[in-house]
Amino acid sequence: KDAVLFDNSFLSREAQFEKLFNLVNEKIKV
């Protein structure tokens, strides 16, 4: 269970980073 929770938190962290990166790219384009 701990390993699964760790994987989920890691994946969510990566997803959040991707969202931030995309937001920054959009702001730079505009």
PDB file of N, CA and C in Angstrom:
ATOM      1  N   LYS A   1       0.850  -1.200   0.000  1.00  0.00           N
ATOM      2  CA  LYS A   1       0.000   0.000   0.000  1.00  0.00           C
ATOM      3  C   LYS A   1       0.883   1.247   0.000  1.00  0.00           C
ATOM      4  N   ASP A   2       1.897   1.257   0.843  1.00  0.00           N
ATOM      5  CA  ASP A   2       2.779   2.430   0.909  1.00  0.00           C
ATOM      6  C   ASP A   2       3.408   2.715  -0.453  1.00  0.00           C
ATOM      7  N   ALA A   3       3.857   1.659  -1.123  1.00  0.00           N
ATOM      8  CA  ALA A   3       4.512   1.841  -2.424  1.00  0.00           C
ATOM      9  C   ALA A   3       3.524   2.462  -3.419  1.00  0.00           C
ATOM     10  N   VAL A   4       2.292   1.985  -3.391  1.00  0.00           N
ATOM     11  CA  VAL A   4       1.284   2.515  -4.318  1.00  0.00           C
ATOM     12  C   VAL A   4       1.019   3.987  -4.022  1.00  0.00           C
ATOM     13  N   LEU A   5       0.901   4.320  -2.739  1.00  0.00           N
ATOM     14  CA  LEU A   5       0.656   5.717  -2.365  1.00  0.00           C
ATOM     15  C   LEU A   5       1.813   6.587  -2.828  1.00  0.00           C
ATOM     16  N   PHE A   6       3.026   6.078  -2.662  1.00  0.00           N
ATOM     17  CA  PHE A   6       4.207   6.839  -3.072  1.00  0.00           C
ATOM     18  C   PHE A   6       4.182   7.058  -4.579  1.00  0.00           C
ATOM     19  N   ASP A   7       3.846   6.008  -5.332  1.00  0.00           N
ATOM     20  CA  ASP A   7       3.786   6.127  -6.798  1.00  0.00           C
ATOM     21  C   ASP A   7       2.738   7.164  -7.202  1.00  0.00           C
ATOM     22  N   ASN A   8       1.572   7.103  -6.553  1.00  0.00           N
ATOM     23  CA  ASN A   8       0.503   8.045  -6.901  1.00  0.00           C
ATOM     24  C   ASN A   8       0.925   9.475  -6.611  1.00  0.00           C
ATOM     25  N   SER A   9       1.541   9.701  -5.469  1.00  0.00           N
ATOM     26  CA  SER A   9       1.966  11.061  -5.121  1.00  0.00           C
ATOM     27  C   SER A   9       3.034  11.532  -6.096  1.00  0.00           C
ATOM     28  N   PHE A  10       3.916  10.623  -6.508  1.00  0.00           N
ATOM     29  CA  PHE A  10       4.980  10.989  -7.447  1.00  0.00           C
ATOM     30  C   PHE A  10       4.378  11.340  -8.804  1.00  0.00           C
ATOM     31  N   LEU A  11       3.418  10.533  -9.258  1.00  0.00           N
ATOM     32  CA  LEU A  11       2.789  10.794 -10.554  1.00  0.00           C
ATOM     33  C   LEU A  11       2.026  12.113 -10.519  1.00  0.00           C
ATOM     34  N   SER A  12       1.304  12.350  -9.423  1.00  0.00           N
ATOM     35  CA  SER A  12       0.545  13.602  -9.328  1.00  0.00           C
ATOM     36  C   SER A  12       1.502  14.782  -9.331  1.00  0.00           C
ATOM     37  N   ARG A  13       2.674  14.596  -8.706  1.00  0.00           N
ATOM     38  CA  ARG A  13       3.664  15.673  -8.670  1.00  0.00           C
ATOM     39  C   ARG A  13       4.160  15.949 -10.086  1.00  0.00           C
ATOM     40  N   GLU A  14       4.400  14.893 -10.842  1.00  0.00           N
ATOM     41  CA  GLU A  14       4.863  15.064 -12.229  1.00  0.00           C
ATOM     42  C   GLU A  14       3.774  15.758 -13.046  1.00  0.00           C
ATOM     43  N   ALA A  15       2.529  15.359 -12.843  1.00  0.00           N
ATOM     44  CA  ALA A  15       1.420  15.962 -13.589  1.00  0.00           C
ATOM     45  C   ALA A  15       1.313  17.444 -13.259  1.00  0.00           C
ATOM     46  N   GLN A  16       1.468  17.789 -11.976  1.00  0.00           N
ATOM     47  CA  GLN A  16       1.404  19.199 -11.581  1.00  0.00           C
ATOM     48  C   GLN A  16       2.523  19.981 -12.240  1.00  0.00           C
ATOM     49  N   PHE A  17       3.712  19.391 -12.309  1.00  0.00           N
ATOM     50  CA  PHE A  17       4.851  20.069 -12.932  1.00  0.00           C
ATOM     51  C   PHE A  17       4.575  20.308 -14.414  1.00  0.00           C
ATOM     52  N   GLU A  18       3.977  19.297 -15.058  1.00  0.00           N
ATOM     53  CA  GLU A  18       3.664  19.451 -16.492  1.00  0.00           C
ATOM     54  C   GLU A  18       2.647  20.572 -16.688  1.00  0.00           C
ATOM     55  N   LYS A  19       1.634  20.633 -15.805  1.00  0.00           N
ATOM     56  CA  LYS A  19       0.620  21.685 -15.927  1.00  0.00           C
ATOM     57  C   LYS A  19       1.269  23.052 -15.766  1.00  0.00           C
ATOM     58  N   LEU A  20       2.160  23.175 -14.770  1.00  0.00           N
ATOM     59  CA  LEU A  20       2.844  24.456 -14.549  1.00  0.00           C
ATOM     60  C   LEU A  20       3.662  24.823 -15.776  1.00  0.00           C
ATOM     61  N   PHE A  21       4.380  23.848 -16.310  1.00  0.00           N
ATOM     62  CA  PHE A  21       5.223  24.093 -17.482  1.00  0.00           C
ATOM     63  C   PHE A  21       4.382  24.566 -18.660  1.00  0.00           C
ATOM     64  N   ASN A  22       3.235  23.913 -18.861  1.00  0.00           N
ATOM     65  CA  ASN A  22       2.350  24.306 -19.966  1.00  0.00           C
ATOM     66  C   ASN A  22       1.817  25.719 -19.753  1.00  0.00           C
ATOM     67  N   LEU A  23       1.460  26.050 -18.510  1.00  0.00           N
ATOM     68  CA  LEU A  23       0.945  27.395 -18.223  1.00  0.00           C
ATOM     69  C   LEU A  23       2.004  28.434 -18.538  1.00  0.00           C
ATOM     70  N   VAL A  24       3.232  28.170 -18.140  1.00  0.00           N
ATOM     71  CA  VAL A  24       4.321  29.120 -18.390  1.00  0.00           C
ATOM     72  C   VAL A  24       4.525  29.287 -19.892  1.00  0.00           C
ATOM     73  N   ASN A  25       4.492  28.185 -20.624  1.00  0.00           N
ATOM     74  CA  ASN A  25       4.676  28.259 -22.080  1.00  0.00           C
ATOM     75  C   ASN A  25       3.575  29.105 -22.714  1.00  0.00           C
ATOM     76  N   GLU A  26       2.343  28.911 -22.262  1.00  0.00           N
ATOM     77  CA  GLU A  26       1.227  29.689 -22.816  1.00  0.00           C
ATOM     78  C   GLU A  26       1.436  31.172 -22.541  1.00  0.00           C
ATOM     79  N   LYS A  27       1.876  31.497 -21.336  1.00  0.00           N
ATOM     80  CA  LYS A  27       2.077  32.911 -20.981  1.00  0.00           C
ATOM     81  C   LYS A  27       3.181  33.516 -21.837  1.00  0.00           C
ATOM     82  N   ILE A  28       4.213  32.735 -22.111  1.00  0.00           N
ATOM     83  CA  ILE A  28       5.321  33.243 -22.928  1.00  0.00           C
ATOM     84  C   ILE A  28       4.833  33.484 -24.363  1.00  0.00           C
ATOM     85  N   LYS A  29       4.008  32.580 -24.878  1.00  0.00           N
ATOM     86  CA  LYS A  29       3.488  32.730 -26.245  1.00  0.00           C
ATOM     87  C   LYS A  29       2.692  34.026 -26.346  1.00  0.00           C
ATOM     88  N   VAL A  30       1.860  34.287 -25.351  1.00  0.00           N
ATOM     89  CA  VAL A  30       1.016  35.490 -25.371  1.00  0.00           C
ATOM     90  C   VAL A  30       1.892  36.679 -24.982  1.00  0.00           C
TER      91      VAL A  30
END
